[in-house]
Amino acid sequence: MNEQQQKFELYLDEQIAACKQRGKLLAEDDRVDEGNFEKVRANVYEIFKTILSVAEKTCGKDDLAKKRFFLQKTEQIPASWKTSYEKAQQHGDVKKMHIESIKLSAIREIKETYMQIWEETT
């Protein structure tokens, strides 16, 4: 794993831990729904940590191929979240819209951070 991927994996680990901690505190404060929303956010970070690992295994030492693989997944996976958000909006399902917007927000952050880390060292 190269320096960029290590730095990015550390970022993902930190985000996962922060989401879980916030979720736990919110649940303890009887804010269960908000705590669950943090779990949703943590799940998105965990998904893309797995994608990073798959990119490593699939592409080996080809850093450019790993970058392409990862960025491709940042487009493919959220496509269904966008569709789900739009359907929820059509049906007035505010809770589902909120969940999908949390996922979409998290993936935007993930992608932006990935690009920042990649650009900083190239």
PDB file of N, CA and C in Angstrom:
ATOM      1  N   MET A   1       0.852  -1.181   0.000  1.00  0.00           N
ATOM      2  CA  MET A   1       0.000   0.000   0.000  1.00  0.00           C
ATOM      3  C   MET A   1       0.896   1.242   0.000  1.00  0.00           C
ATOM      4  N   ASN A   2       0.593   2.171  -0.895  1.00  0.00           N
ATOM      5  CA  ASN A   2       1.425   3.362  -0.969  1.00  0.00           C
ATOM      6  C   ASN A   2       1.030   4.378   0.113  1.00  0.00           C
ATOM      7  N   GLU A   3       1.798   5.457   0.173  1.00  0.00           N
ATOM      8  CA  GLU A   3       1.613   6.478   1.204  1.00  0.00           C
ATOM      9  C   GLU A   3       0.222   7.117   1.129  1.00  0.00           C
ATOM     10  N   GLN A   4      -0.250   7.381  -0.089  1.00  0.00           N
ATOM     11  CA  GLN A   4      -1.567   8.000  -0.250  1.00  0.00           C
ATOM     12  C   GLN A   4      -2.659   7.095   0.294  1.00  0.00           C
ATOM     13  N   GLN A   5      -2.576   5.824  -0.043  1.00  0.00           N
ATOM     14  CA  GLN A   5      -3.606   4.897   0.418  1.00  0.00           C
ATOM     15  C   GLN A   5      -3.568   4.738   1.936  1.00  0.00           C
ATOM     16  N   GLN A   6      -2.370   4.721   2.504  1.00  0.00           N
ATOM     17  CA  GLN A   6      -2.257   4.613   3.961  1.00  0.00           C
ATOM     18  C   GLN A   6      -2.890   5.829   4.634  1.00  0.00           C
ATOM     19  N   LYS A   7      -2.605   6.998   4.087  1.00  0.00           N
ATOM     20  CA  LYS A   7      -3.153   8.231   4.645  1.00  0.00           C
ATOM     21  C   LYS A   7      -4.682   8.241   4.521  1.00  0.00           C
ATOM     22  N   PHE A   8      -5.171   7.787   3.381  1.00  0.00           N
ATOM     23  CA  PHE A   8      -6.611   7.755   3.157  1.00  0.00           C
ATOM     24  C   PHE A   8      -7.291   6.731   4.059  1.00  0.00           C
ATOM     25  N   GLU A   9      -6.654   5.580   4.228  1.00  0.00           N
ATOM     26  CA  GLU A   9      -7.222   4.556   5.114  1.00  0.00           C
ATOM     27  C   GLU A   9      -7.285   5.070   6.550  1.00  0.00           C
ATOM     28  N   LEU A  10      -6.268   5.801   6.963  1.00  0.00           N
ATOM     29  CA  LEU A  10      -6.269   6.399   8.301  1.00  0.00           C
ATOM     30  C   LEU A  10      -7.439   7.383   8.429  1.00  0.00           C
ATOM     31  N   TYR A  11      -7.651   8.188   7.387  1.00  0.00           N
ATOM     32  CA  TYR A  11      -8.782   9.125   7.375  1.00  0.00           C
ATOM     33  C   TYR A  11     -10.103   8.362   7.547  1.00  0.00           C
ATOM     34  N   LEU A  12     -10.278   7.274   6.779  1.00  0.00           N
ATOM     35  CA  LEU A  12     -11.508   6.491   6.870  1.00  0.00           C
ATOM     36  C   LEU A  12     -11.684   5.910   8.274  1.00  0.00           C
ATOM     37  N   ASP A  13     -10.597   5.362   8.837  1.00  0.00           N
ATOM     38  CA  ASP A  13     -10.661   4.802  10.194  1.00  0.00           C
ATOM     39  C   ASP A  13     -11.076   5.866  11.207  1.00  0.00           C
ATOM     40  N   GLU A  14     -10.513   7.064  11.065  1.00  0.00           N
ATOM     41  CA  GLU A  14     -10.843   8.155  11.987  1.00  0.00           C
ATOM     42  C   GLU A  14     -12.306   8.558  11.856  1.00  0.00           C
ATOM     43  N   GLN A  15     -12.803   8.612  10.626  1.00  0.00           N
ATOM     44  CA  GLN A  15     -14.205   8.979  10.403  1.00  0.00           C
ATOM     45  C   GLN A  15     -15.151   7.920  10.963  1.00  0.00           C
ATOM     46  N   ILE A  16     -14.810   6.658  10.750  1.00  0.00           N
ATOM     47  CA  ILE A  16     -15.631   5.556  11.274  1.00  0.00           C
ATOM     48  C   ILE A  16     -15.704   5.649  12.800  1.00  0.00           C
ATOM     49  N   ALA A  17     -14.551   5.826  13.432  1.00  0.00           N
ATOM     50  CA  ALA A  17     -14.508   5.917  14.896  1.00  0.00           C
ATOM     51  C   ALA A  17     -15.302   7.127  15.397  1.00  0.00           C
ATOM     52  N   ALA A  18     -15.167   8.262  14.715  1.00  0.00           N
ATOM     53  CA  ALA A  18     -15.878   9.477  15.129  1.00  0.00           C
ATOM     54  C   ALA A  18     -17.388   9.291  14.996  1.00  0.00           C
ATOM     55  N   CYS A  19     -17.825   8.685  13.905  1.00  0.00           N
ATOM     56  CA  CYS A  19     -19.267   8.447  13.706  1.00  0.00           C
ATOM     57  C   CYS A  19     -19.815   7.513  14.780  1.00  0.00           C
ATOM     58  N   LYS A  20     -19.072   6.462  15.049  1.00  0.00           N
ATOM     59  CA  LYS A  20     -19.525   5.506  16.072  1.00  0.00           C
ATOM     60  C   LYS A  20     -19.590   6.164  17.444  1.00  0.00           C
ATOM     61  N   GLN A  21     -18.599   6.994  17.752  1.00  0.00           N
ATOM     62  CA  GLN A  21     -18.582   7.683  19.037  1.00  0.00           C
ATOM     63  C   GLN A  21     -19.766   8.652  19.144  1.00  0.00           C
ATOM     64  N   ARG A  22     -19.996   9.445  18.087  1.00  0.00           N
ATOM     65  CA  ARG A  22     -21.136  10.374  18.093  1.00  0.00           C
ATOM     66  C   ARG A  22     -22.448   9.596  18.206  1.00  0.00           C
ATOM     67  N   GLY A  23     -22.554   8.486  17.474  1.00  0.00           N
ATOM     68  CA  GLY A  23     -23.760   7.664  17.530  1.00  0.00           C
ATOM     69  C   GLY A  23     -24.031   7.146  18.926  1.00  0.00           C
ATOM     70  N   LYS A  24     -22.970   6.696  19.581  1.00  0.00           N
ATOM     71  CA  LYS A  24     -23.101   6.175  20.939  1.00  0.00           C
ATOM     72  C   LYS A  24     -23.558   7.281  21.905  1.00  0.00           C
ATOM     73  N   LEU A  25     -22.939   8.443  21.799  1.00  0.00           N
ATOM     74  CA  LEU A  25     -23.303   9.558  22.681  1.00  0.00           C
ATOM     75  C   LEU A  25     -24.742  10.020  22.439  1.00  0.00           C
ATOM     76  N   LEU A  26     -25.125  10.066  21.174  1.00  0.00           N
ATOM     77  CA  LEU A  26     -26.504  10.469  20.863  1.00  0.00           C
ATOM     78  C   LEU A  26     -27.503   9.450  21.392  1.00  0.00           C
ATOM     79  N   ALA A  27     -27.203   8.177  21.250  1.00  0.00           N
ATOM     80  CA  ALA A  27     -28.093   7.126  21.758  1.00  0.00           C
ATOM     81  C   ALA A  27     -28.220   7.216  23.282  1.00  0.00           C
ATOM     82  N   GLU A  28     -27.082   7.459  23.951  1.00  0.00           N
ATOM     83  CA  GLU A  28     -27.101   7.595  25.413  1.00  0.00           C
ATOM     84  C   GLU A  28     -27.916   8.808  25.850  1.00  0.00           C
ATOM     85  N   ASP A  29     -28.013   9.798  24.969  1.00  0.00           N
ATOM     86  CA  ASP A  29     -28.753  11.024  25.253  1.00  0.00           C
ATOM     87  C   ASP A  29     -30.209  10.912  24.782  1.00  0.00           C
ATOM     88  N   ASP A  30     -30.657   9.673  24.549  1.00  0.00           N
ATOM     89  CA  ASP A  30     -32.019   9.388  24.074  1.00  0.00           C
ATOM     90  C   ASP A  30     -32.339  10.056  22.736  1.00  0.00           C
ATOM     91  N   ARG A  31     -31.314  10.213  21.913  1.00  0.00           N
ATOM     92  CA  ARG A  31     -31.495  10.749  20.557  1.00  0.00           C
ATOM     93  C   ARG A  31     -31.184   9.607  19.580  1.00  0.00           C
ATOM     94  N   VAL A  32     -32.009   8.579  19.675  1.00  0.00           N
ATOM     95  CA  VAL A  32     -31.776   7.317  18.977  1.00  0.00           C
ATOM     96  C   VAL A  32     -31.748   7.497  17.459  1.00  0.00           C
ATOM     97  N   ASP A  33     -32.698   8.251  16.921  1.00  0.00           N
ATOM     98  CA  ASP A  33     -32.718   8.454  15.467  1.00  0.00           C
ATOM     99  C   ASP A  33     -31.426   9.105  14.990  1.00  0.00           C
ATOM    100  N   GLU A  34     -30.999  10.132  15.691  1.00  0.00           N
ATOM    101  CA  GLU A  34     -29.757  10.808  15.310  1.00  0.00           C
ATOM    102  C   GLU A  34     -28.562   9.861  15.436  1.00  0.00           C
ATOM    103  N   GLY A  35     -28.587   9.033  16.457  1.00  0.00           N
ATOM    104  CA  GLY A  35     -27.540   8.031  16.628  1.00  0.00           C
ATOM    105  C   GLY A  35     -27.529   7.046  15.472  1.00  0.00           C
ATOM    106  N   ASN A  36     -28.712   6.663  15.023  1.00  0.00           N
ATOM    107  CA  ASN A  36     -28.814   5.753  13.873  1.00  0.00           C
ATOM    108  C   ASN A  36     -28.296   6.409  12.596  1.00  0.00           C
ATOM    109  N   PHE A  37     -28.517   7.709  12.461  1.00  0.00           N
ATOM    110  CA  PHE A  37     -28.011   8.415  11.286  1.00  0.00           C
ATOM    111  C   PHE A  37     -26.473   8.392  11.273  1.00  0.00           C
ATOM    112  N   GLU A  38     -25.869   8.463  12.438  1.00  0.00           N
ATOM    113  CA  GLU A  38     -24.403   8.366  12.516  1.00  0.00           C
ATOM    114  C   GLU A  38     -23.937   6.963  12.120  1.00  0.00           C
ATOM    115  N   LYS A  39     -24.736   5.953  12.457  1.00  0.00           N
ATOM    116  CA  LYS A  39     -24.405   4.582  12.039  1.00  0.00           C
ATOM    117  C   LYS A  39     -24.444   4.464  10.515  1.00  0.00           C
ATOM    118  N   VAL A  40     -25.416   5.123   9.901  1.00  0.00           N
ATOM    119  CA  VAL A  40     -25.520   5.120   8.439  1.00  0.00           C
ATOM    120  C   VAL A  40     -24.260   5.739   7.842  1.00  0.00           C
ATOM    121  N   ARG A  41     -23.852   6.878   8.389  1.00  0.00           N
ATOM    122  CA  ARG A  41     -22.647   7.562   7.905  1.00  0.00           C
ATOM    123  C   ARG A  41     -21.415   6.663   8.081  1.00  0.00           C
ATOM    124  N   ALA A  42     -21.297   6.029   9.237  1.00  0.00           N
ATOM    125  CA  ALA A  42     -20.162   5.117   9.493  1.00  0.00           C
ATOM    126  C   ALA A  42     -20.156   3.977   8.480  1.00  0.00           C
ATOM    127  N   ASN A  43     -21.332   3.467   8.143  1.00  0.00           N
ATOM    128  CA  ASN A  43     -21.423   2.374   7.166  1.00  0.00           C
ATOM    129  C   ASN A  43     -20.871   2.790   5.807  1.00  0.00           C
ATOM    130  N   VAL A  44     -21.127   4.031   5.405  1.00  0.00           N
ATOM    131  CA  VAL A  44     -20.609   4.508   4.122  1.00  0.00           C
ATOM    132  C   VAL A  44     -19.081   4.519   4.160  1.00  0.00           C
ATOM    133  N   TYR A  45     -18.519   5.020   5.234  1.00  0.00           N
ATOM    134  CA  TYR A  45     -17.053   5.023   5.363  1.00  0.00           C
ATOM    135  C   TYR A  45     -16.503   3.599   5.344  1.00  0.00           C
ATOM    136  N   GLU A  46     -17.208   2.689   6.014  1.00  0.00           N
ATOM    137  CA  GLU A  46     -16.767   1.290   6.043  1.00  0.00           C
ATOM    138  C   GLU A  46     -16.837   0.656   4.654  1.00  0.00           C
ATOM    139  N   ILE A  47     -17.877   0.976   3.904  1.00  0.00           N
ATOM    140  CA  ILE A  47     -17.997   0.459   2.536  1.00  0.00           C
ATOM    141  C   ILE A  47     -16.786   0.879   1.710  1.00  0.00           C
ATOM    142  N   PHE A  48     -16.418   2.143   1.811  1.00  0.00           N
ATOM    143  CA  PHE A  48     -15.323   2.621   0.975  1.00  0.00           C
ATOM    144  C   PHE A  48     -13.948   2.229   1.513  1.00  0.00           C
ATOM    145  N   LYS A  49     -13.876   1.868   2.776  1.00  0.00           N
ATOM    146  CA  LYS A  49     -12.640   1.266   3.279  1.00  0.00           C
ATOM    147  C   LYS A  49     -12.478  -0.120   2.648  1.00  0.00           C
ATOM    148  N   THR A  50     -13.579  -0.836   2.531  1.00  0.00           N
ATOM    149  CA  THR A  50     -13.557  -2.140   1.872  1.00  0.00           C
ATOM    150  C   THR A  50     -13.194  -1.988   0.395  1.00  0.00           C
ATOM    151  N   ILE A  51     -13.762  -0.988  -0.256  1.00  0.00           N
ATOM    152  CA  ILE A  51     -13.457  -0.737  -1.674  1.00  0.00           C
ATOM    153  C   ILE A  51     -11.963  -0.453  -1.843  1.00  0.00           C
ATOM    154  N   LEU A  52     -11.384   0.297  -0.924  1.00  0.00           N
ATOM    155  CA  LEU A  52      -9.944   0.592  -0.975  1.00  0.00           C
ATOM    156  C   LEU A  52      -9.141  -0.702  -0.900  1.00  0.00           C
ATOM    157  N   SER A  53      -9.554  -1.597  -0.031  1.00  0.00           N
ATOM    158  CA  SER A  53      -8.888  -2.889   0.117  1.00  0.00           C
ATOM    159  C   SER A  53      -9.034  -3.737  -1.147  1.00  0.00           C
ATOM    160  N   VAL A  54     -10.227  -3.726  -1.731  1.00  0.00           N
ATOM    161  CA  VAL A  54     -10.468  -4.476  -2.964  1.00  0.00           C
ATOM    162  C   VAL A  54      -9.607  -3.908  -4.099  1.00  0.00           C
ATOM    163  N   ALA A  55      -9.505  -2.599  -4.164  1.00  0.00           N
ATOM    164  CA  ALA A  55      -8.673  -1.968  -5.196  1.00  0.00           C
ATOM    165  C   ALA A  55      -7.224  -2.426  -5.054  1.00  0.00           C
ATOM    166  N   GLU A  56      -6.757  -2.515  -3.827  1.00  0.00           N
ATOM    167  CA  GLU A  56      -5.391  -2.968  -3.548  1.00  0.00           C
ATOM    168  C   GLU A  56      -5.184  -4.398  -4.050  1.00  0.00           C
ATOM    169  N   LYS A  57      -6.143  -5.267  -3.740  1.00  0.00           N
ATOM    170  CA  LYS A  57      -6.027  -6.673  -4.144  1.00  0.00           C
ATOM    171  C   LYS A  57      -6.192  -6.845  -5.652  1.00  0.00           C
ATOM    172  N   THR A  58      -7.099  -6.091  -6.242  1.00  0.00           N
ATOM    173  CA  THR A  58      -7.416  -6.230  -7.658  1.00  0.00           C
ATOM    174  C   THR A  58      -6.324  -5.650  -8.555  1.00  0.00           C
ATOM    175  N   CYS A  59      -5.798  -4.514  -8.172  1.00  0.00           N
ATOM    176  CA  CYS A  59      -4.890  -3.777  -9.059  1.00  0.00           C
ATOM    177  C   CYS A  59      -3.418  -3.926  -8.703  1.00  0.00           C
ATOM    178  N   GLY A  60      -3.126  -4.583  -7.598  1.00  0.00           N
ATOM    179  CA  GLY A  60      -1.732  -4.805  -7.217  1.00  0.00           C
ATOM    180  C   GLY A  60      -0.968  -3.515  -7.022  1.00  0.00           C
ATOM    181  N   LYS A  61       0.165  -3.393  -7.675  1.00  0.00           N
ATOM    182  CA  LYS A  61       1.037  -2.232  -7.473  1.00  0.00           C
ATOM    183  C   LYS A  61       0.762  -1.084  -8.445  1.00  0.00           C
ATOM    184  N   ASP A  62      -0.236  -1.243  -9.312  1.00  0.00           N
ATOM    185  CA  ASP A  62      -0.579  -0.209 -10.285  1.00  0.00           C
ATOM    186  C   ASP A  62      -1.415   0.879  -9.607  1.00  0.00           C
ATOM    187  N   ASP A  63      -0.739   1.924  -9.127  1.00  0.00           N
ATOM    188  CA  ASP A  63      -1.414   2.982  -8.373  1.00  0.00           C
ATOM    189  C   ASP A  63      -2.484   3.708  -9.186  1.00  0.00           C
ATOM    190  N   LEU A  64      -2.218   3.932 -10.446  1.00  0.00           N
ATOM    191  CA  LEU A  64      -3.193   4.611 -11.292  1.00  0.00           C
ATOM    192  C   LEU A  64      -4.455   3.761 -11.470  1.00  0.00           C
ATOM    193  N   ALA A  65      -4.272   2.460 -11.638  1.00  0.00           N
ATOM    194  CA  ALA A  65      -5.415   1.547 -11.767  1.00  0.00           C
ATOM    195  C   ALA A  65      -6.225   1.526 -10.468  1.00  0.00           C
ATOM    196  N   LYS A  66      -5.538   1.558  -9.324  1.00  0.00           N
ATOM    197  CA  LYS A  66      -6.238   1.581  -8.030  1.00  0.00           C
ATOM    198  C   LYS A  66      -7.068   2.858  -7.902  1.00  0.00           C
ATOM    199  N   LYS A  67      -6.470   3.979  -8.319  1.00  0.00           N
ATOM    200  CA  LYS A  67      -7.174   5.261  -8.250  1.00  0.00           C
ATOM    201  C   LYS A  67      -8.417   5.217  -9.139  1.00  0.00           C
ATOM    202  N   ARG A  68      -8.267   4.735 -10.371  1.00  0.00           N
ATOM    203  CA  ARG A  68      -9.404   4.643 -11.292  1.00  0.00           C
ATOM    204  C   ARG A  68     -10.498   3.736 -10.721  1.00  0.00           C
ATOM    205  N   PHE A  69     -10.086   2.581 -10.197  1.00  0.00           N
ATOM    206  CA  PHE A  69     -11.025   1.619  -9.613  1.00  0.00           C
ATOM    207  C   PHE A  69     -11.821   2.281  -8.490  1.00  0.00           C
ATOM    208  N   PHE A  70     -11.110   2.916  -7.575  1.00  0.00           N
ATOM    209  CA  PHE A  70     -11.758   3.534  -6.416  1.00  0.00           C
ATOM    210  C   PHE A  70     -12.727   4.634  -6.857  1.00  0.00           C
ATOM    211  N   LEU A  71     -12.269   5.517  -7.736  1.00  0.00           N
ATOM    212  CA  LEU A  71     -13.118   6.626  -8.175  1.00  0.00           C
ATOM    213  C   LEU A  71     -14.331   6.132  -8.959  1.00  0.00           C
ATOM    214  N   GLN A  72     -14.146   5.053  -9.700  1.00  0.00           N
ATOM    215  CA  GLN A  72     -15.273   4.462 -10.427  1.00  0.00           C
ATOM    216  C   GLN A  72     -16.344   4.007  -9.429  1.00  0.00           C
ATOM    217  N   LYS A  73     -15.909   3.405  -8.339  1.00  0.00           N
ATOM    218  CA  LYS A  73     -16.859   2.929  -7.317  1.00  0.00           C
ATOM    219  C   LYS A  73     -17.546   4.100  -6.614  1.00  0.00           C
ATOM    220  N   THR A  74     -16.853   5.251  -6.509  1.00  0.00           N
ATOM    221  CA  THR A  74     -17.487   6.418  -5.876  1.00  0.00           C
ATOM    222  C   THR A  74     -18.599   6.992  -6.749  1.00  0.00           C
ATOM    223  N   GLU A  75     -18.642   6.593  -8.001  1.00  0.00           N
ATOM    224  CA  GLU A  75     -19.732   6.993  -8.892  1.00  0.00           C
ATOM    225  C   GLU A  75     -20.808   5.907  -8.952  1.00  0.00           C
ATOM    226  N   GLN A  76     -20.382   4.647  -9.095  1.00  0.00           N
ATOM    227  CA  GLN A  76     -21.319   3.528  -9.266  1.00  0.00           C
ATOM    228  C   GLN A  76     -22.201   3.306  -8.042  1.00  0.00           C
ATOM    229  N   ILE A  77     -21.590   3.192  -6.893  1.00  0.00           N
ATOM    230  CA  ILE A  77     -22.332   2.828  -5.677  1.00  0.00           C
ATOM    231  C   ILE A  77     -23.376   3.890  -5.298  1.00  0.00           C
ATOM    232  N   PRO A  78     -23.020   5.174  -5.290  1.00  0.00           N
ATOM    233  CA  PRO A  78     -24.018   6.183  -4.910  1.00  0.00           C
ATOM    234  C   PRO A  78     -25.144   6.380  -5.933  1.00  0.00           C
ATOM    235  N   ALA A  79     -25.004   5.839  -7.124  1.00  0.00           N
ATOM    236  CA  ALA A  79     -26.069   5.993  -8.129  1.00  0.00           C
ATOM    237  C   ALA A  79     -27.394   5.459  -7.603  1.00  0.00           C
ATOM    238  N   SER A  80     -27.354   4.326  -6.923  1.00  0.00           N
ATOM    239  CA  SER A  80     -28.598   3.764  -6.374  1.00  0.00           C
ATOM    240  C   SER A  80     -29.120   4.615  -5.209  1.00  0.00           C
ATOM    241  N   TRP A  81     -28.222   5.272  -4.491  1.00  0.00           N
ATOM    242  CA  TRP A  81     -28.642   6.154  -3.394  1.00  0.00           C
ATOM    243  C   TRP A  81     -29.365   7.374  -3.963  1.00  0.00           C
ATOM    244  N   LYS A  82     -28.872   7.890  -5.076  1.00  0.00           N
ATOM    245  CA  LYS A  82     -29.523   9.042  -5.716  1.00  0.00           C
ATOM    246  C   LYS A  82     -30.925   8.646  -6.182  1.00  0.00           C
ATOM    247  N   THR A  83     -31.028   7.473  -6.786  1.00  0.00           N
ATOM    248  CA  THR A  83     -32.329   6.976  -7.255  1.00  0.00           C
ATOM    249  C   THR A  83     -33.283   6.803  -6.078  1.00  0.00           C
ATOM    250  N   SER A  84     -32.787   6.231  -5.009  1.00  0.00           N
ATOM    251  CA  SER A  84     -33.605   6.014  -3.819  1.00  0.00           C
ATOM    252  C   SER A  84     -34.068   7.352  -3.231  1.00  0.00           C
ATOM    253  N   TYR A  85     -33.185   8.346  -3.227  1.00  0.00           N
ATOM    254  CA  TYR A  85     -33.537   9.681  -2.732  1.00  0.00           C
ATOM    255  C   TYR A  85     -34.669  10.269  -3.577  1.00  0.00           C
ATOM    256  N   GLU A  86     -34.527  10.158  -4.898  1.00  0.00           N
ATOM    257  CA  GLU A  86     -35.538  10.713  -5.802  1.00  0.00           C
ATOM    258  C   GLU A  86     -36.891  10.031  -5.619  1.00  0.00           C
ATOM    259  N   LYS A  87     -36.884   8.710  -5.442  1.00  0.00           N
ATOM    260  CA  LYS A  87     -38.142   7.979  -5.214  1.00  0.00           C
ATOM    261  C   LYS A  87     -38.770   8.399  -3.890  1.00  0.00           C
ATOM    262  N   ALA A  88     -37.935   8.538  -2.860  1.00  0.00           N
ATOM    263  CA  ALA A  88     -38.436   8.963  -1.549  1.00  0.00           C
ATOM    264  C   ALA A  88     -39.036  10.371  -1.649  1.00  0.00           C
ATOM    265  N   GLN A  89     -38.385  11.216  -2.429  1.00  0.00           N
ATOM    266  CA  GLN A  89     -38.884  12.583  -2.612  1.00  0.00           C
ATOM    267  C   GLN A  89     -40.253  12.568  -3.294  1.00  0.00           C
ATOM    268  N   GLN A  90     -40.401  11.714  -4.296  1.00  0.00           N
ATOM    269  CA  GLN A  90     -41.684  11.600  -5.005  1.00  0.00           C
ATOM    270  C   GLN A  90     -42.802  11.127  -4.083  1.00  0.00           C
ATOM    271  N   HIS A  91     -42.447  10.282  -3.118  1.00  0.00           N
ATOM    272  CA  HIS A  91     -43.446   9.724  -2.193  1.00  0.00           C
ATOM    273  C   HIS A  91     -43.550  10.500  -0.877  1.00  0.00           C
ATOM    274  N   GLY A  92     -42.784  11.578  -0.760  1.00  0.00           N
ATOM    275  CA  GLY A  92     -42.839  12.380   0.458  1.00  0.00           C
ATOM    276  C   GLY A  92     -42.281  11.672   1.679  1.00  0.00           C
ATOM    277  N   ASP A  93     -41.357  10.723   1.477  1.00  0.00           N
ATOM    278  CA  ASP A  93     -40.757   9.966   2.582  1.00  0.00           C
ATOM    279  C   ASP A  93     -39.533  10.733   3.099  1.00  0.00           C
ATOM    280  N   VAL A  94     -39.784  11.636   4.029  1.00  0.00           N
ATOM    281  CA  VAL A  94     -38.755  12.545   4.531  1.00  0.00           C
ATOM    282  C   VAL A  94     -37.620  11.787   5.229  1.00  0.00           C
ATOM    283  N   LYS A  95     -37.967  10.768   5.998  1.00  0.00           N
ATOM    284  CA  LYS A  95     -36.934  10.011   6.712  1.00  0.00           C
ATOM    285  C   LYS A  95     -35.988   9.317   5.726  1.00  0.00           C
ATOM    286  N   LYS A  96     -36.540   8.680   4.709  1.00  0.00           N
ATOM    287  CA  LYS A  96     -35.720   8.000   3.700  1.00  0.00           C
ATOM    288  C   LYS A  96     -34.869   9.018   2.938  1.00  0.00           C
ATOM    289  N   MET A  97     -35.444  10.173   2.633  1.00  0.00           N
ATOM    290  CA  MET A  97     -34.680  11.224   1.959  1.00  0.00           C
ATOM    291  C   MET A  97     -33.494  11.646   2.818  1.00  0.00           C
ATOM    292  N   HIS A  98     -33.724  11.772   4.107  1.00  0.00           N
ATOM    293  CA  HIS A  98     -32.648  12.183   5.011  1.00  0.00           C
ATOM    294  C   HIS A  98     -31.536  11.128   5.054  1.00  0.00           C
ATOM    295  N   ILE A  99     -31.911   9.873   5.131  1.00  0.00           N
ATOM    296  CA  ILE A  99     -30.924   8.789   5.160  1.00  0.00           C
ATOM    297  C   ILE A  99     -30.090   8.801   3.878  1.00  0.00           C
ATOM    298  N   GLU A 100     -30.764   8.924   2.742  1.00  0.00           N
ATOM    299  CA  GLU A 100     -30.033   8.934   1.463  1.00  0.00           C
ATOM    300  C   GLU A 100     -29.164  10.178   1.346  1.00  0.00           C
ATOM    301  N   SER A 101     -29.621  11.305   1.866  1.00  0.00           N
ATOM    302  CA  SER A 101     -28.795  12.525   1.800  1.00  0.00           C
ATOM    303  C   SER A 101     -27.565  12.400   2.702  1.00  0.00           C
ATOM    304  N   ILE A 102     -27.681  11.687   3.809  1.00  0.00           N
ATOM    305  CA  ILE A 102     -26.522  11.430   4.674  1.00  0.00           C
ATOM    306  C   ILE A 102     -25.485  10.610   3.902  1.00  0.00           C
ATOM    307  N   LYS A 103     -25.945   9.581   3.218  1.00  0.00           N
ATOM    308  CA  LYS A 103     -25.033   8.733   2.440  1.00  0.00           C
ATOM    309  C   LYS A 103     -24.369   9.530   1.328  1.00  0.00           C
ATOM    310  N   LEU A 104     -25.153  10.335   0.633  1.00  0.00           N
ATOM    311  CA  LEU A 104     -24.603  11.128  -0.473  1.00  0.00           C
ATOM    312  C   LEU A 104     -23.620  12.185   0.026  1.00  0.00           C
ATOM    313  N   SER A 105     -23.908  12.755   1.169  1.00  0.00           N
ATOM    314  CA  SER A 105     -22.991  13.726   1.765  1.00  0.00           C
ATOM    315  C   SER A 105     -21.677  13.060   2.161  1.00  0.00           C
ATOM    316  N   ALA A 106     -21.779  11.884   2.761  1.00  0.00           N
ATOM    317  CA  ALA A 106     -20.571  11.152   3.175  1.00  0.00           C
ATOM    318  C   ALA A 106     -19.719  10.789   1.968  1.00  0.00           C
ATOM    319  N   ILE A 107     -20.331  10.355   0.879  1.00  0.00           N
ATOM    320  CA  ILE A 107     -19.540   9.968  -0.289  1.00  0.00           C
ATOM    321  C   ILE A 107     -18.895  11.195  -0.918  1.00  0.00           C
ATOM    322  N   ARG A 108     -19.556  12.336  -0.875  1.00  0.00           N
ATOM    323  CA  ARG A 108     -18.913  13.562  -1.381  1.00  0.00           C
ATOM    324  C   ARG A 108     -17.659  13.873  -0.577  1.00  0.00           C
ATOM    325  N   GLU A 109     -17.767  13.772   0.746  1.00  0.00           N
ATOM    326  CA  GLU A 109     -16.607  14.016   1.622  1.00  0.00           C
ATOM    327  C   GLU A 109     -15.489  13.017   1.332  1.00  0.00           C
ATOM    328  N   ILE A 110     -15.855  11.767   1.178  1.00  0.00           N
ATOM    329  CA  ILE A 110     -14.877  10.713   0.914  1.00  0.00           C
ATOM    330  C   ILE A 110     -14.140  11.000  -0.394  1.00  0.00           C
ATOM    331  N   LYS A 111     -14.891  11.302  -1.423  1.00  0.00           N
ATOM    332  CA  LYS A 111     -14.293  11.546  -2.737  1.00  0.00           C
ATOM    333  C   LYS A 111     -13.391  12.785  -2.704  1.00  0.00           C
ATOM    334  N   GLU A 112     -13.867  13.863  -2.065  1.00  0.00           N
ATOM    335  CA  GLU A 112     -13.068  15.090  -1.965  1.00  0.00           C
ATOM    336  C   GLU A 112     -11.764  14.827  -1.212  1.00  0.00           C
ATOM    337  N   THR A 113     -11.853  14.121  -0.117  1.00  0.00           N
ATOM    338  CA  THR A 113     -10.656  13.827   0.681  1.00  0.00           C
ATOM    339  C   THR A 113      -9.705  12.932  -0.094  1.00  0.00           C
ATOM    340  N   TYR A 114     -10.246  11.943  -0.786  1.00  0.00           N
ATOM    341  CA  TYR A 114      -9.414  11.048  -1.598  1.00  0.00           C
ATOM    342  C   TYR A 114      -8.632  11.855  -2.630  1.00  0.00           C
ATOM    343  N   MET A 115      -9.325  12.755  -3.312  1.00  0.00           N
ATOM    344  CA  MET A 115      -8.667  13.562  -4.336  1.00  0.00           C
ATOM    345  C   MET A 115      -7.627  14.498  -3.721  1.00  0.00           C
ATOM    346  N   GLN A 116      -7.926  15.073  -2.573  1.00  0.00           N
ATOM    347  CA  GLN A 116      -6.964  15.959  -1.903  1.00  0.00           C
ATOM    348  C   GLN A 116      -5.707  15.194  -1.534  1.00  0.00           C
ATOM    349  N   ILE A 117      -5.867  14.027  -0.964  1.00  0.00           N
ATOM    350  CA  ILE A 117      -4.722  13.213  -0.562  1.00  0.00           C
ATOM    351  C   ILE A 117      -3.926  12.794  -1.788  1.00  0.00           C
ATOM    352  N   TRP A 118      -4.628  12.398  -2.833  1.00  0.00           N
ATOM    353  CA  TRP A 118      -3.948  11.956  -4.058  1.00  0.00           C
ATOM    354  C   TRP A 118      -3.143  13.113  -4.667  1.00  0.00           C
ATOM    355  N   GLU A 119      -3.750  14.305  -4.745  1.00  0.00           N
ATOM    356  CA  GLU A 119      -3.096  15.457  -5.376  1.00  0.00           C
ATOM    357  C   GLU A 119      -1.933  15.990  -4.557  1.00  0.00           C
ATOM    358  N   GLU A 120      -2.044  15.889  -3.256  1.00  0.00           N
ATOM    359  CA  GLU A 120      -1.019  16.420  -2.356  1.00  0.00           C
ATOM    360  C   GLU A 120       0.334  15.734  -2.554  1.00  0.00           C
ATOM    361  N   THR A 121       0.313  14.503  -2.971  1.00  0.00           N
ATOM    362  CA  THR A 121       1.567  13.729  -3.043  1.00  0.00           C
ATOM    363  C   THR A 121       1.957  13.357  -4.456  1.00  0.00           C
ATOM    364  N   THR A 122       1.257  13.889  -5.456  1.00  0.00           N
ATOM    365  CA  THR A 122       1.645  13.560  -6.841  1.00  0.00           C
ATOM    366  C   THR A 122       2.241  14.760  -7.532  1.00  0.00           C
TER     367      THR A 122
END
